[in-house]
Full PDB file with SEQRES, HELIX, SHEET, SSBOND, CRYST1, ORIGX, SCALE, CONECT and MASTER records, all heavy atoms in Angstrom:
SEQRES   1 A   41  TYR GLU LYS GLY ARG LEU GLY ALA GLY ALA SER GLU ALA          
SEQRES   2 A   41  LEU ALA ARG GLU ALA ARG TYR LYS PHE LEU ARG LYS VAL          
SEQRES   3 A   41  LYS GLU ASN TYR GLY ALA ASP ALA ILE ILE THR ALA HIS          
SEQRES   4 A   41  HIS GLN                                                      
HELIX    1 AA1 GLU A   12  TYR A   30  1                                  19    
CRYST1    1.000    1.000    1.000  90.00  90.00  90.00 P 1           1          
ORIGX1      1.000000  0.000000  0.000000        0.00000                         
ORIGX2      0.000000  1.000000  0.000000        0.00000                         
ORIGX3      0.000000  0.000000  1.000000        0.00000                         
SCALE1      1.000000  0.000000  0.000000        0.00000                         
SCALE2      0.000000  1.000000  0.000000        0.00000                         
SCALE3      0.000000  0.000000  1.000000        0.00000                         
ATOM      1  N   TYR A   1      47.235 -17.775  16.758  1.00  0.00           N  
ATOM      2  CA  TYR A   1      45.863 -17.616  16.269  1.00  0.00           C  
ATOM      3  C   TYR A   1      44.899 -17.505  17.445  1.00  0.00           C  
ATOM      4  O   TYR A   1      45.119 -18.097  18.503  1.00  0.00           O  
ATOM      5  CB  TYR A   1      45.516 -18.834  15.402  1.00  0.00           C  
ATOM      6  CG  TYR A   1      44.049 -19.144  15.275  1.00  0.00           C  
ATOM      7  CD1 TYR A   1      43.234 -18.380  14.448  1.00  0.00           C  
ATOM      8  CD2 TYR A   1      43.477 -20.211  15.975  1.00  0.00           C  
ATOM      9  CE1 TYR A   1      41.878 -18.668  14.327  1.00  0.00           C  
ATOM     10  CE2 TYR A   1      42.141 -20.511  15.853  1.00  0.00           C  
ATOM     11  CZ  TYR A   1      41.334 -19.736  15.020  1.00  0.00           C  
ATOM     12  OH  TYR A   1      40.005 -20.020  14.911  1.00  0.00           O  
ATOM     13  N   GLU A   2      43.886 -16.710  17.243  1.00  0.00           N  
ATOM     14  CA  GLU A   2      42.820 -16.642  18.254  1.00  0.00           C  
ATOM     15  C   GLU A   2      41.494 -16.391  17.539  1.00  0.00           C  
ATOM     16  O   GLU A   2      41.433 -15.652  16.551  1.00  0.00           O  
ATOM     17  CB  GLU A   2      43.077 -15.497  19.239  1.00  0.00           C  
ATOM     18  CG  GLU A   2      42.041 -15.422  20.357  1.00  0.00           C  
ATOM     19  CD  GLU A   2      42.403 -14.395  21.412  1.00  0.00           C  
ATOM     20  OE1 GLU A   2      43.431 -14.588  22.101  1.00  0.00           O  
ATOM     21  OE2 GLU A   2      41.667 -13.387  21.527  1.00  0.00           O  
ATOM     22  N   LYS A   3      40.445 -17.025  18.048  1.00  0.00           N  
ATOM     23  CA  LYS A   3      39.119 -16.826  17.461  1.00  0.00           C  
ATOM     24  C   LYS A   3      38.240 -16.052  18.418  1.00  0.00           C  
ATOM     25  O   LYS A   3      38.038 -16.436  19.570  1.00  0.00           O  
ATOM     26  CB  LYS A   3      38.459 -18.167  17.126  1.00  0.00           C  
ATOM     27  CG  LYS A   3      37.058 -17.973  16.549  1.00  0.00           C  
ATOM     28  CD  LYS A   3      36.516 -19.213  15.871  1.00  0.00           C  
ATOM     29  CE  LYS A   3      35.165 -18.899  15.243  1.00  0.00           C  
ATOM     30  NZ  LYS A   3      34.651 -19.991  14.424  1.00  0.00           N  
ATOM     31  N   GLY A   4      37.735 -14.921  17.932  1.00  0.00           N  
ATOM     32  CA  GLY A   4      36.773 -14.142  18.700  1.00  0.00           C  
ATOM     33  C   GLY A   4      35.364 -14.607  18.366  1.00  0.00           C  
ATOM     34  O   GLY A   4      35.161 -15.398  17.434  1.00  0.00           O  
ATOM     35  N   ARG A   5      34.409 -14.131  19.098  1.00  0.00           N  
ATOM     36  CA  ARG A   5      33.012 -14.495  18.830  1.00  0.00           C  
ATOM     37  C   ARG A   5      32.175 -13.214  18.790  1.00  0.00           C  
ATOM     38  O   ARG A   5      31.216 -13.047  19.546  1.00  0.00           O  
ATOM     39  CB  ARG A   5      32.496 -15.456  19.909  1.00  0.00           C  
ATOM     40  CG  ARG A   5      33.358 -16.720  20.014  1.00  0.00           C  
ATOM     41  CD  ARG A   5      32.792 -17.737  20.981  1.00  0.00           C  
ATOM     42  NE  ARG A   5      33.679 -18.877  21.137  1.00  0.00           N  
ATOM     43  CZ  ARG A   5      33.755 -19.883  20.280  1.00  0.00           C  
ATOM     44  NH1 ARG A   5      32.997 -19.894  19.210  1.00  0.00           N  
ATOM     45  NH2 ARG A   5      34.597 -20.880  20.507  1.00  0.00           N  
ATOM     46  N   LEU A   6      32.560 -12.319  17.883  1.00  0.00           N  
ATOM     47  CA  LEU A   6      31.914 -11.001  17.821  1.00  0.00           C  
ATOM     48  C   LEU A   6      30.540 -11.058  17.158  1.00  0.00           C  
ATOM     49  O   LEU A   6      29.684 -10.227  17.446  1.00  0.00           O  
ATOM     50  CB  LEU A   6      32.820 -10.021  17.068  1.00  0.00           C  
ATOM     51  CG  LEU A   6      34.240  -9.843  17.626  1.00  0.00           C  
ATOM     52  CD1 LEU A   6      34.978  -8.770  16.852  1.00  0.00           C  
ATOM     53  CD2 LEU A   6      34.207  -9.501  19.110  1.00  0.00           C  
ATOM     54  N   GLY A   7      30.361 -11.983  16.238  1.00  0.00           N  
ATOM     55  CA  GLY A   7      29.068 -12.095  15.572  1.00  0.00           C  
ATOM     56  C   GLY A   7      28.958 -11.181  14.363  1.00  0.00           C  
ATOM     57  O   GLY A   7      29.711 -10.211  14.209  1.00  0.00           O  
ATOM     58  N   ALA A   8      27.999 -11.483  13.486  1.00  0.00           N  
ATOM     59  CA  ALA A   8      27.857 -10.769  12.218  1.00  0.00           C  
ATOM     60  C   ALA A   8      27.555  -9.287  12.386  1.00  0.00           C  
ATOM     61  O   ALA A   8      27.849  -8.486  11.506  1.00  0.00           O  
ATOM     62  CB  ALA A   8      26.766 -11.437  11.383  1.00  0.00           C  
ATOM     63  N   GLY A   9      26.955  -8.901  13.499  1.00  0.00           N  
ATOM     64  CA  GLY A   9      26.576  -7.502  13.684  1.00  0.00           C  
ATOM     65  C   GLY A   9      27.636  -6.649  14.349  1.00  0.00           C  
ATOM     66  O   GLY A   9      27.394  -5.477  14.661  1.00  0.00           O  
ATOM     67  N   ALA A  10      28.824  -7.188  14.555  1.00  0.00           N  
ATOM     68  CA  ALA A  10      29.875  -6.454  15.256  1.00  0.00           C  
ATOM     69  C   ALA A  10      30.307  -5.221  14.469  1.00  0.00           C  
ATOM     70  O   ALA A  10      30.393  -5.242  13.245  1.00  0.00           O  
ATOM     71  CB  ALA A  10      31.083  -7.359  15.485  1.00  0.00           C  
ATOM     72  N   SER A  11      30.578  -4.140  15.181  1.00  0.00           N  
ATOM     73  CA  SER A  11      31.013  -2.893  14.545  1.00  0.00           C  
ATOM     74  C   SER A  11      32.483  -2.985  14.155  1.00  0.00           C  
ATOM     75  O   SER A  11      33.232  -3.814  14.671  1.00  0.00           O  
ATOM     76  CB  SER A  11      30.809  -1.712  15.494  1.00  0.00           C  
ATOM     77  OG  SER A  11      31.694  -1.807  16.599  1.00  0.00           O  
ATOM     78  N   GLU A  12      32.891  -2.091  13.244  1.00  0.00           N  
ATOM     79  CA  GLU A  12      34.294  -2.038  12.844  1.00  0.00           C  
ATOM     80  C   GLU A  12      35.179  -1.699  14.036  1.00  0.00           C  
ATOM     81  O   GLU A  12      36.284  -2.232  14.185  1.00  0.00           O  
ATOM     82  CB  GLU A  12      34.475  -0.989  11.745  1.00  0.00           C  
ATOM     83  CG  GLU A  12      33.784  -1.341  10.434  1.00  0.00           C  
ATOM     84  CD  GLU A  12      33.864  -0.215   9.428  1.00  0.00           C  
ATOM     85  OE1 GLU A  12      34.952   0.005   8.867  1.00  0.00           O  
ATOM     86  OE2 GLU A  12      32.843   0.454   9.213  1.00  0.00           O  
ATOM     87  N   ALA A  13      34.706  -0.792  14.885  1.00  0.00           N  
ATOM     88  CA  ALA A  13      35.489  -0.362  16.047  1.00  0.00           C  
ATOM     89  C   ALA A  13      35.708  -1.521  17.020  1.00  0.00           C  
ATOM     90  O   ALA A  13      36.810  -1.714  17.541  1.00  0.00           O  
ATOM     91  CB  ALA A  13      34.794   0.794  16.755  1.00  0.00           C  
ATOM     92  N   LEU A  14      34.659  -2.315  17.256  1.00  0.00           N  
ATOM     93  CA  LEU A  14      34.768  -3.450  18.161  1.00  0.00           C  
ATOM     94  C   LEU A  14      35.723  -4.498  17.597  1.00  0.00           C  
ATOM     95  O   LEU A  14      36.550  -5.069  18.324  1.00  0.00           O  
ATOM     96  CB  LEU A  14      33.386  -4.075  18.396  1.00  0.00           C  
ATOM     97  CG  LEU A  14      33.315  -5.264  19.364  1.00  0.00           C  
ATOM     98  CD1 LEU A  14      33.793  -4.854  20.750  1.00  0.00           C  
ATOM     99  CD2 LEU A  14      31.898  -5.831  19.428  1.00  0.00           C  
ATOM    100  N   ALA A  15      35.629  -4.745  16.304  1.00  0.00           N  
ATOM    101  CA  ALA A  15      36.510  -5.720  15.662  1.00  0.00           C  
ATOM    102  C   ALA A  15      37.967  -5.270  15.749  1.00  0.00           C  
ATOM    103  O   ALA A  15      38.860  -6.069  16.041  1.00  0.00           O  
ATOM    104  CB  ALA A  15      36.103  -5.898  14.195  1.00  0.00           C  
ATOM    105  N   ARG A  16      38.207  -3.981  15.522  1.00  0.00           N  
ATOM    106  CA  ARG A  16      39.570  -3.450  15.580  1.00  0.00           C  
ATOM    107  C   ARG A  16      40.129  -3.552  16.994  1.00  0.00           C  
ATOM    108  O   ARG A  16      41.280  -3.948  17.199  1.00  0.00           O  
ATOM    109  CB  ARG A  16      39.570  -1.996  15.116  1.00  0.00           C  
ATOM    110  CG  ARG A  16      40.948  -1.345  15.087  1.00  0.00           C  
ATOM    111  CD  ARG A  16      40.916   0.014  14.415  1.00  0.00           C  
ATOM    112  NE  ARG A  16      39.958   0.923  15.024  1.00  0.00           N  
ATOM    113  CZ  ARG A  16      38.806   1.291  14.492  1.00  0.00           C  
ATOM    114  NH1 ARG A  16      38.446   0.823  13.316  1.00  0.00           N  
ATOM    115  NH2 ARG A  16      37.986   2.128  15.108  1.00  0.00           N  
ATOM    116  N   GLU A  17      39.316  -3.215  17.980  1.00  0.00           N  
ATOM    117  CA  GLU A  17      39.764  -3.269  19.374  1.00  0.00           C  
ATOM    118  C   GLU A  17      40.126  -4.693  19.778  1.00  0.00           C  
ATOM    119  O   GLU A  17      41.157  -4.926  20.429  1.00  0.00           O  
ATOM    120  CB  GLU A  17      38.670  -2.722  20.290  1.00  0.00           C  
ATOM    121  CG  GLU A  17      39.074  -2.644  21.740  1.00  0.00           C  
ATOM    122  CD  GLU A  17      38.016  -1.984  22.610  1.00  0.00           C  
ATOM    123  OE1 GLU A  17      37.050  -1.416  22.071  1.00  0.00           O  
ATOM    124  OE2 GLU A  17      38.149  -2.051  23.842  1.00  0.00           O  
ATOM    125  N   ALA A  18      39.305  -5.670  19.373  1.00  0.00           N  
ATOM    126  CA  ALA A  18      39.573  -7.071  19.703  1.00  0.00           C  
ATOM    127  C   ALA A  18      40.840  -7.562  19.001  1.00  0.00           C  
ATOM    128  O   ALA A  18      41.644  -8.293  19.587  1.00  0.00           O  
ATOM    129  CB  ALA A  18      38.378  -7.933  19.301  1.00  0.00           C  
ATOM    130  N   ARG A  19      41.027  -7.147  17.755  1.00  0.00           N  
ATOM    131  CA  ARG A  19      42.195  -7.576  16.987  1.00  0.00           C  
ATOM    132  C   ARG A  19      43.489  -7.065  17.611  1.00  0.00           C  
ATOM    133  O   ARG A  19      44.450  -7.831  17.786  1.00  0.00           O  
ATOM    134  CB  ARG A  19      42.074  -7.075  15.547  1.00  0.00           C  
ATOM    135  CG  ARG A  19      43.215  -7.476  14.641  1.00  0.00           C  
ATOM    136  CD  ARG A  19      42.904  -7.186  13.189  1.00  0.00           C  
ATOM    137  NE  ARG A  19      42.726  -5.768  12.884  1.00  0.00           N  
ATOM    138  CZ  ARG A  19      41.551  -5.186  12.648  1.00  0.00           C  
ATOM    139  NH1 ARG A  19      40.434  -5.893  12.675  1.00  0.00           N  
ATOM    140  NH2 ARG A  19      41.473  -3.898  12.361  1.00  0.00           N  
ATOM    141  N   TYR A  20      43.521  -5.788  17.966  1.00  0.00           N  
ATOM    142  CA  TYR A  20      44.751  -5.223  18.533  1.00  0.00           C  
ATOM    143  C   TYR A  20      45.009  -5.734  19.952  1.00  0.00           C  
ATOM    144  O   TYR A  20      46.170  -5.828  20.371  1.00  0.00           O  
ATOM    145  CB  TYR A  20      44.715  -3.696  18.493  1.00  0.00           C  
ATOM    146  CG  TYR A  20      45.100  -3.161  17.134  1.00  0.00           C  
ATOM    147  CD1 TYR A  20      44.141  -2.664  16.266  1.00  0.00           C  
ATOM    148  CD2 TYR A  20      46.419  -3.188  16.717  1.00  0.00           C  
ATOM    149  CE1 TYR A  20      44.488  -2.199  15.015  1.00  0.00           C  
ATOM    150  CE2 TYR A  20      46.785  -2.720  15.462  1.00  0.00           C  
ATOM    151  CZ  TYR A  20      45.811  -2.220  14.613  1.00  0.00           C  
ATOM    152  OH  TYR A  20      46.166  -1.767  13.373  1.00  0.00           O  
ATOM    153  N   LYS A  21      43.978  -6.063  20.664  1.00  0.00           N  
ATOM    154  CA  LYS A  21      44.164  -6.668  21.979  1.00  0.00           C  
ATOM    155  C   LYS A  21      44.887  -8.003  21.832  1.00  0.00           C  
ATOM    156  O   LYS A  21      45.817  -8.317  22.596  1.00  0.00           O  
ATOM    157  CB  LYS A  21      42.807  -6.874  22.664  1.00  0.00           C  
ATOM    158  CG  LYS A  21      42.913  -7.467  24.059  1.00  0.00           C  
ATOM    159  CD  LYS A  21      41.534  -7.627  24.690  1.00  0.00           C  
ATOM    160  CE  LYS A  21      41.637  -8.231  26.084  1.00  0.00           C  
ATOM    161  NZ  LYS A  21      40.285  -8.417  26.704  1.00  0.00           N  
ATOM    162  N   PHE A  22      44.477  -8.795  20.849  1.00  0.00           N  
ATOM    163  CA  PHE A  22      45.135 -10.078  20.572  1.00  0.00           C  
ATOM    164  C   PHE A  22      46.573  -9.863  20.125  1.00  0.00           C  
ATOM    165  O   PHE A  22      47.501 -10.529  20.616  1.00  0.00           O  
ATOM    166  CB  PHE A  22      44.345 -10.816  19.487  1.00  0.00           C  
ATOM    167  CG  PHE A  22      45.134 -11.873  18.768  1.00  0.00           C  
ATOM    168  CD1 PHE A  22      45.515 -13.039  19.412  1.00  0.00           C  
ATOM    169  CD2 PHE A  22      45.500 -11.694  17.440  1.00  0.00           C  
ATOM    170  CE1 PHE A  22      46.249 -14.020  18.749  1.00  0.00           C  
ATOM    171  CE2 PHE A  22      46.235 -12.660  16.766  1.00  0.00           C  
ATOM    172  CZ  PHE A  22      46.615 -13.831  17.421  1.00  0.00           C  
ATOM    173  N   LEU A  23      46.800  -8.940  19.209  1.00  0.00           N  
ATOM    174  CA  LEU A  23      48.148  -8.702  18.686  1.00  0.00           C  
ATOM    175  C   LEU A  23      49.099  -8.241  19.784  1.00  0.00           C  
ATOM    176  O   LEU A  23      50.264  -8.665  19.837  1.00  0.00           O  
ATOM    177  CB  LEU A  23      48.098  -7.660  17.563  1.00  0.00           C  
ATOM    178  CG  LEU A  23      47.413  -8.111  16.268  1.00  0.00           C  
ATOM    179  CD1 LEU A  23      47.250  -6.937  15.313  1.00  0.00           C  
ATOM    180  CD2 LEU A  23      48.187  -9.237  15.592  1.00  0.00           C  
ATOM    181  N   ARG A  24      48.615  -7.381  20.674  1.00  0.00           N  
ATOM    182  CA  ARG A  24      49.482  -6.900  21.756  1.00  0.00           C  
ATOM    183  C   ARG A  24      49.780  -8.027  22.757  1.00  0.00           C  
ATOM    184  O   ARG A  24      50.859  -8.068  23.340  1.00  0.00           O  
ATOM    185  CB  ARG A  24      48.833  -5.701  22.445  1.00  0.00           C  
ATOM    186  CG  ARG A  24      48.883  -4.442  21.580  1.00  0.00           C  
ATOM    187  CD  ARG A  24      48.521  -3.186  22.365  1.00  0.00           C  
ATOM    188  NE  ARG A  24      48.847  -2.002  21.598  1.00  0.00           N  
ATOM    189  CZ  ARG A  24      47.983  -1.314  20.847  1.00  0.00           C  
ATOM    190  NH1 ARG A  24      46.720  -1.707  20.785  1.00  0.00           N  
ATOM    191  NH2 ARG A  24      48.369  -0.250  20.168  1.00  0.00           N  
ATOM    192  N   LYS A  25      48.837  -8.936  22.930  1.00  0.00           N  
ATOM    193  CA  LYS A  25      49.074 -10.078  23.815  1.00  0.00           C  
ATOM    194  C   LYS A  25      50.165 -10.976  23.225  1.00  0.00           C  
ATOM    195  O   LYS A  25      51.063 -11.429  23.957  1.00  0.00           O  
ATOM    196  CB  LYS A  25      47.775 -10.870  24.002  1.00  0.00           C  
ATOM    197  CG  LYS A  25      47.933 -12.074  24.933  1.00  0.00           C  
ATOM    198  CD  LYS A  25      46.586 -12.728  25.208  1.00  0.00           C  
ATOM    199  CE  LYS A  25      46.015 -13.369  23.964  1.00  0.00           C  
ATOM    200  NZ  LYS A  25      44.757 -14.115  24.241  1.00  0.00           N  
ATOM    201  N   VAL A  26      50.107 -11.210  21.923  1.00  0.00           N  
ATOM    202  CA  VAL A  26      51.129 -12.025  21.267  1.00  0.00           C  
ATOM    203  C   VAL A  26      52.490 -11.323  21.341  1.00  0.00           C  
ATOM    204  O   VAL A  26      53.516 -11.954  21.598  1.00  0.00           O  
ATOM    205  CB  VAL A  26      50.748 -12.294  19.789  1.00  0.00           C  
ATOM    206  CG1 VAL A  26      51.869 -13.063  19.086  1.00  0.00           C  
ATOM    207  CG2 VAL A  26      49.452 -13.087  19.712  1.00  0.00           C  
ATOM    208  N   LYS A  27      52.494 -10.018  21.136  1.00  0.00           N  
ATOM    209  CA  LYS A  27      53.739  -9.235  21.224  1.00  0.00           C  
ATOM    210  C   LYS A  27      54.370  -9.389  22.607  1.00  0.00           C  
ATOM    211  O   LYS A  27      55.583  -9.596  22.738  1.00  0.00           O  
ATOM    212  CB  LYS A  27      53.449  -7.763  20.948  1.00  0.00           C  
ATOM    213  CG  LYS A  27      54.647  -6.835  21.170  1.00  0.00           C  
ATOM    214  CD  LYS A  27      54.261  -5.394  20.909  1.00  0.00           C  
ATOM    215  CE  LYS A  27      55.399  -4.440  21.263  1.00  0.00           C  
ATOM    216  NZ  LYS A  27      55.656  -4.367  22.699  1.00  0.00           N  
ATOM    217  N   GLU A  28      53.544  -9.307  23.643  1.00  0.00           N  
ATOM    218  CA  GLU A  28      54.052  -9.443  25.010  1.00  0.00           C  
ATOM    219  C   GLU A  28      54.592 -10.849  25.253  1.00  0.00           C  
ATOM    220  O   GLU A  28      55.651 -11.027  25.869  1.00  0.00           O  
ATOM    221  CB  GLU A  28      52.937  -9.119  26.006  1.00  0.00           C  
ATOM    222  CG  GLU A  28      53.375  -9.187  27.452  1.00  0.00           C  
ATOM    223  CD  GLU A  28      52.260  -8.816  28.414  1.00  0.00           C  
ATOM    224  OE1 GLU A  28      51.193  -8.342  27.960  1.00  0.00           O  
ATOM    225  OE2 GLU A  28      52.446  -9.003  29.630  1.00  0.00           O  
ATOM    226  N   ASN A  29      53.876 -11.846  24.771  1.00  0.00           N  
ATOM    227  CA  ASN A  29      54.298 -13.237  24.979  1.00  0.00           C  
ATOM    228  C   ASN A  29      55.654 -13.544  24.354  1.00  0.00           C  
ATOM    229  O   ASN A  29      56.441 -14.320  24.887  1.00  0.00           O  
ATOM    230  CB  ASN A  29      53.245 -14.194  24.422  1.00  0.00           C  
ATOM    231  CG  ASN A  29      51.964 -14.207  25.236  1.00  0.00           C  
ATOM    232  OD1 ASN A  29      51.944 -13.741  26.376  1.00  0.00           O  
ATOM    233  ND2 ASN A  29      50.893 -14.725  24.659  1.00  0.00           N  
ATOM    234  N   TYR A  30      55.919 -12.927  23.204  1.00  0.00           N  
ATOM    235  CA  TYR A  30      57.176 -13.188  22.496  1.00  0.00           C  
ATOM    236  C   TYR A  30      58.258 -12.162  22.838  1.00  0.00           C  
ATOM    237  O   TYR A  30      59.388 -12.299  22.366  1.00  0.00           O  
ATOM    238  CB  TYR A  30      56.940 -13.188  20.983  1.00  0.00           C  
ATOM    239  CG  TYR A  30      56.403 -14.497  20.456  1.00  0.00           C  
ATOM    240  CD1 TYR A  30      55.031 -14.780  20.480  1.00  0.00           C  
ATOM    241  CD2 TYR A  30      57.252 -15.475  19.941  1.00  0.00           C  
ATOM    242  CE1 TYR A  30      54.527 -15.977  19.993  1.00  0.00           C  
ATOM    243  CE2 TYR A  30      56.755 -16.683  19.446  1.00  0.00           C  
ATOM    244  CZ  TYR A  30      55.392 -16.926  19.484  1.00  0.00           C  
ATOM    245  OH  TYR A  30      54.894 -18.119  19.004  1.00  0.00           O  
ATOM    246  N   GLY A  31      57.899 -11.144  23.615  1.00  0.00           N  
ATOM    247  CA  GLY A  31      58.863 -10.092  23.902  1.00  0.00           C  
ATOM    248  C   GLY A  31      59.291  -9.375  22.632  1.00  0.00           C  
ATOM    249  O   GLY A  31      60.455  -8.972  22.477  1.00  0.00           O  
ATOM    250  N   ALA A  32      58.358  -9.210  21.697  1.00  0.00           N  
ATOM    251  CA  ALA A  32      58.664  -8.625  20.387  1.00  0.00           C  
ATOM    252  C   ALA A  32      58.866  -7.120  20.474  1.00  0.00           C  
ATOM    253  O   ALA A  32      58.397  -6.457  21.411  1.00  0.00           O  
ATOM    254  CB  ALA A  32      57.547  -8.953  19.397  1.00  0.00           C  
ATOM    255  N   ASP A  33      59.548  -6.582  19.481  1.00  0.00           N  
ATOM    256  CA  ASP A  33      59.814  -5.150  19.433  1.00  0.00           C  
ATOM    257  C   ASP A  33      58.582  -4.357  19.017  1.00  0.00           C  
ATOM    258  O   ASP A  33      58.370  -3.229  19.480  1.00  0.00           O  
ATOM    259  CB  ASP A  33      60.955  -4.858  18.455  1.00  0.00           C  
ATOM    260  CG  ASP A  33      62.262  -5.489  18.908  1.00  0.00           C  
ATOM    261  OD1 ASP A  33      62.867  -4.959  19.849  1.00  0.00           O  
ATOM    262  OD2 ASP A  33      62.671  -6.515  18.335  1.00  0.00           O  
ATOM    263  N   ALA A  34      57.785  -4.914  18.106  1.00  0.00           N  
ATOM    264  CA  ALA A  34      56.622  -4.183  17.614  1.00  0.00           C  
ATOM    265  C   ALA A  34      55.706  -5.121  16.836  1.00  0.00           C  
ATOM    266  O   ALA A  34      56.048  -6.272  16.544  1.00  0.00           O  
ATOM    267  CB  ALA A  34      57.060  -3.013  16.724  1.00  0.00           C  
ATOM    268  N   ILE A  35      54.544  -4.578  16.483  1.00  0.00           N  
ATOM    269  CA  ILE A  35      53.573  -5.254  15.618  1.00  0.00           C  
ATOM    270  C   ILE A  35      53.680  -4.608  14.244  1.00  0.00           C  
ATOM    271  O   ILE A  35      53.790  -3.382  14.137  1.00  0.00           O  
ATOM    272  CB  ILE A  35      52.137  -5.070  16.165  1.00  0.00           C  
ATOM    273  CG1 ILE A  35      51.995  -5.725  17.550  1.00  0.00           C  
ATOM    274  CG2 ILE A  35      51.104  -5.610  15.190  1.00  0.00           C  
ATOM    275  CD1 ILE A  35      50.806  -5.224  18.325  1.00  0.00           C  
ATOM    276  N   ILE A  36      53.675  -5.395  13.198  1.00  0.00           N  
ATOM    277  CA  ILE A  36      53.707  -4.856  11.835  1.00  0.00           C  
ATOM    278  C   ILE A  36      52.385  -5.171  11.141  1.00  0.00           C  
ATOM    279  O   ILE A  36      51.947  -6.326  11.120  1.00  0.00           O  
ATOM    280  CB  ILE A  36      54.873  -5.442  11.015  1.00  0.00           C  
ATOM    281  CG1 ILE A  36      56.203  -5.217  11.732  1.00  0.00           C  
ATOM    282  CG2 ILE A  36      54.910  -4.816   9.624  1.00  0.00           C  
ATOM    283  CD1 ILE A  36      57.408  -5.748  10.961  1.00  0.00           C  
ATOM    284  N   THR A  37      51.743  -4.145  10.595  1.00  0.00           N  
ATOM    285  CA  THR A  37      50.478  -4.333   9.891  1.00  0.00           C  
ATOM    286  C   THR A  37      50.626  -3.938   8.426  1.00  0.00           C  
ATOM    287  O   THR A  37      51.568  -3.243   8.042  1.00  0.00           O  
ATOM    288  CB  THR A  37      49.337  -3.499  10.519  1.00  0.00           C  
ATOM    289  OG1 THR A  37      49.528  -2.108  10.199  1.00  0.00           O  
ATOM    290  CG2 THR A  37      49.296  -3.682  12.027  1.00  0.00           C  
ATOM    291  N   ALA A  38      49.670  -4.368   7.604  1.00  0.00           N  
ATOM    292  CA  ALA A  38      49.761  -4.181   6.153  1.00  0.00           C  
ATOM    293  C   ALA A  38      48.959  -2.982   5.654  1.00  0.00           C  
ATOM    294  O   ALA A  38      48.584  -2.938   4.477  1.00  0.00           O  
ATOM    295  CB  ALA A  38      49.302  -5.458   5.445  1.00  0.00           C  
ATOM    296  N   HIS A  39      48.688  -2.006   6.500  1.00  0.00           N  
ATOM    297  CA  HIS A  39      47.965  -0.813   6.041  1.00  0.00           C  
ATOM    298  C   HIS A  39      48.761  -0.114   4.941  1.00  0.00           C  
ATOM    299  O   HIS A  39      49.976   0.048   5.054  1.00  0.00           O  
ATOM    300  CB  HIS A  39      47.732   0.144   7.210  1.00  0.00           C  
ATOM    301  CG  HIS A  39      46.765  -0.385   8.211  1.00  0.00           C  
ATOM    302  ND1 HIS A  39      47.170  -0.936   9.407  1.00  0.00           N  
ATOM    303  CD2 HIS A  39      45.411  -0.454   8.194  1.00  0.00           C  
ATOM    304  CE1 HIS A  39      46.090  -1.320  10.092  1.00  0.00           C  
ATOM    305  NE2 HIS A  39      45.026  -1.055   9.372  1.00  0.00           N  
ATOM    306  N   HIS A  40      48.055   0.307   3.897  1.00  0.00           N  
ATOM    307  CA  HIS A  40      48.713   0.911   2.745  1.00  0.00           C  
ATOM    308  C   HIS A  40      48.135   2.302   2.460  1.00  0.00           C  
ATOM    309  O   HIS A  40      47.335   2.821   3.243  1.00  0.00           O  
ATOM    310  CB  HIS A  40      48.574  -0.004   1.524  1.00  0.00           C  
ATOM    311  CG  HIS A  40      47.171  -0.501   1.305  1.00  0.00           C  
ATOM    312  ND1 HIS A  40      46.173   0.288   0.777  1.00  0.00           N  
ATOM    313  CD2 HIS A  40      46.598  -1.708   1.582  1.00  0.00           C  
ATOM    314  CE1 HIS A  40      45.051  -0.410   0.709  1.00  0.00           C  
ATOM    315  NE2 HIS A  40      45.283  -1.627   1.205  1.00  0.00           N  
ATOM    316  N   GLN A  41      48.546   2.894   1.335  1.00  0.00           N  
ATOM    317  CA  GLN A  41      48.170   4.278   1.038  1.00  0.00           C  
ATOM    318  C   GLN A  41      46.654   4.462   0.900  1.00  0.00           C  
ATOM    319  O   GLN A  41      46.100   5.474   1.341  1.00  0.00           O  
ATOM    320  CB  GLN A  41      48.861   4.733  -0.246  1.00  0.00           C  
ATOM    321  CG  GLN A  41      48.801   6.227  -0.492  1.00  0.00           C  
ATOM    322  CD  GLN A  41      49.531   6.604  -1.754  1.00  0.00           C  
ATOM    323  OE1 GLN A  41      48.955   6.581  -2.845  1.00  0.00           O  
ATOM    324  NE2 GLN A  41      50.811   6.929  -1.625  1.00  0.00           N  
TER     325      GLN A  41                                                      
MASTER        0    0    0    1    0    0    0    6  324    1    0    4          
END                                                                             
């Protein structure tokens, strides 16, 4: 888990960039094969 401090006015792009930065850091720490997300049709 990680908590960002983007604030209520943060853009969607900024939120997405911060989220994937965190996910890739966790992936590196665990030596994982990939990140899995729940994006749907």
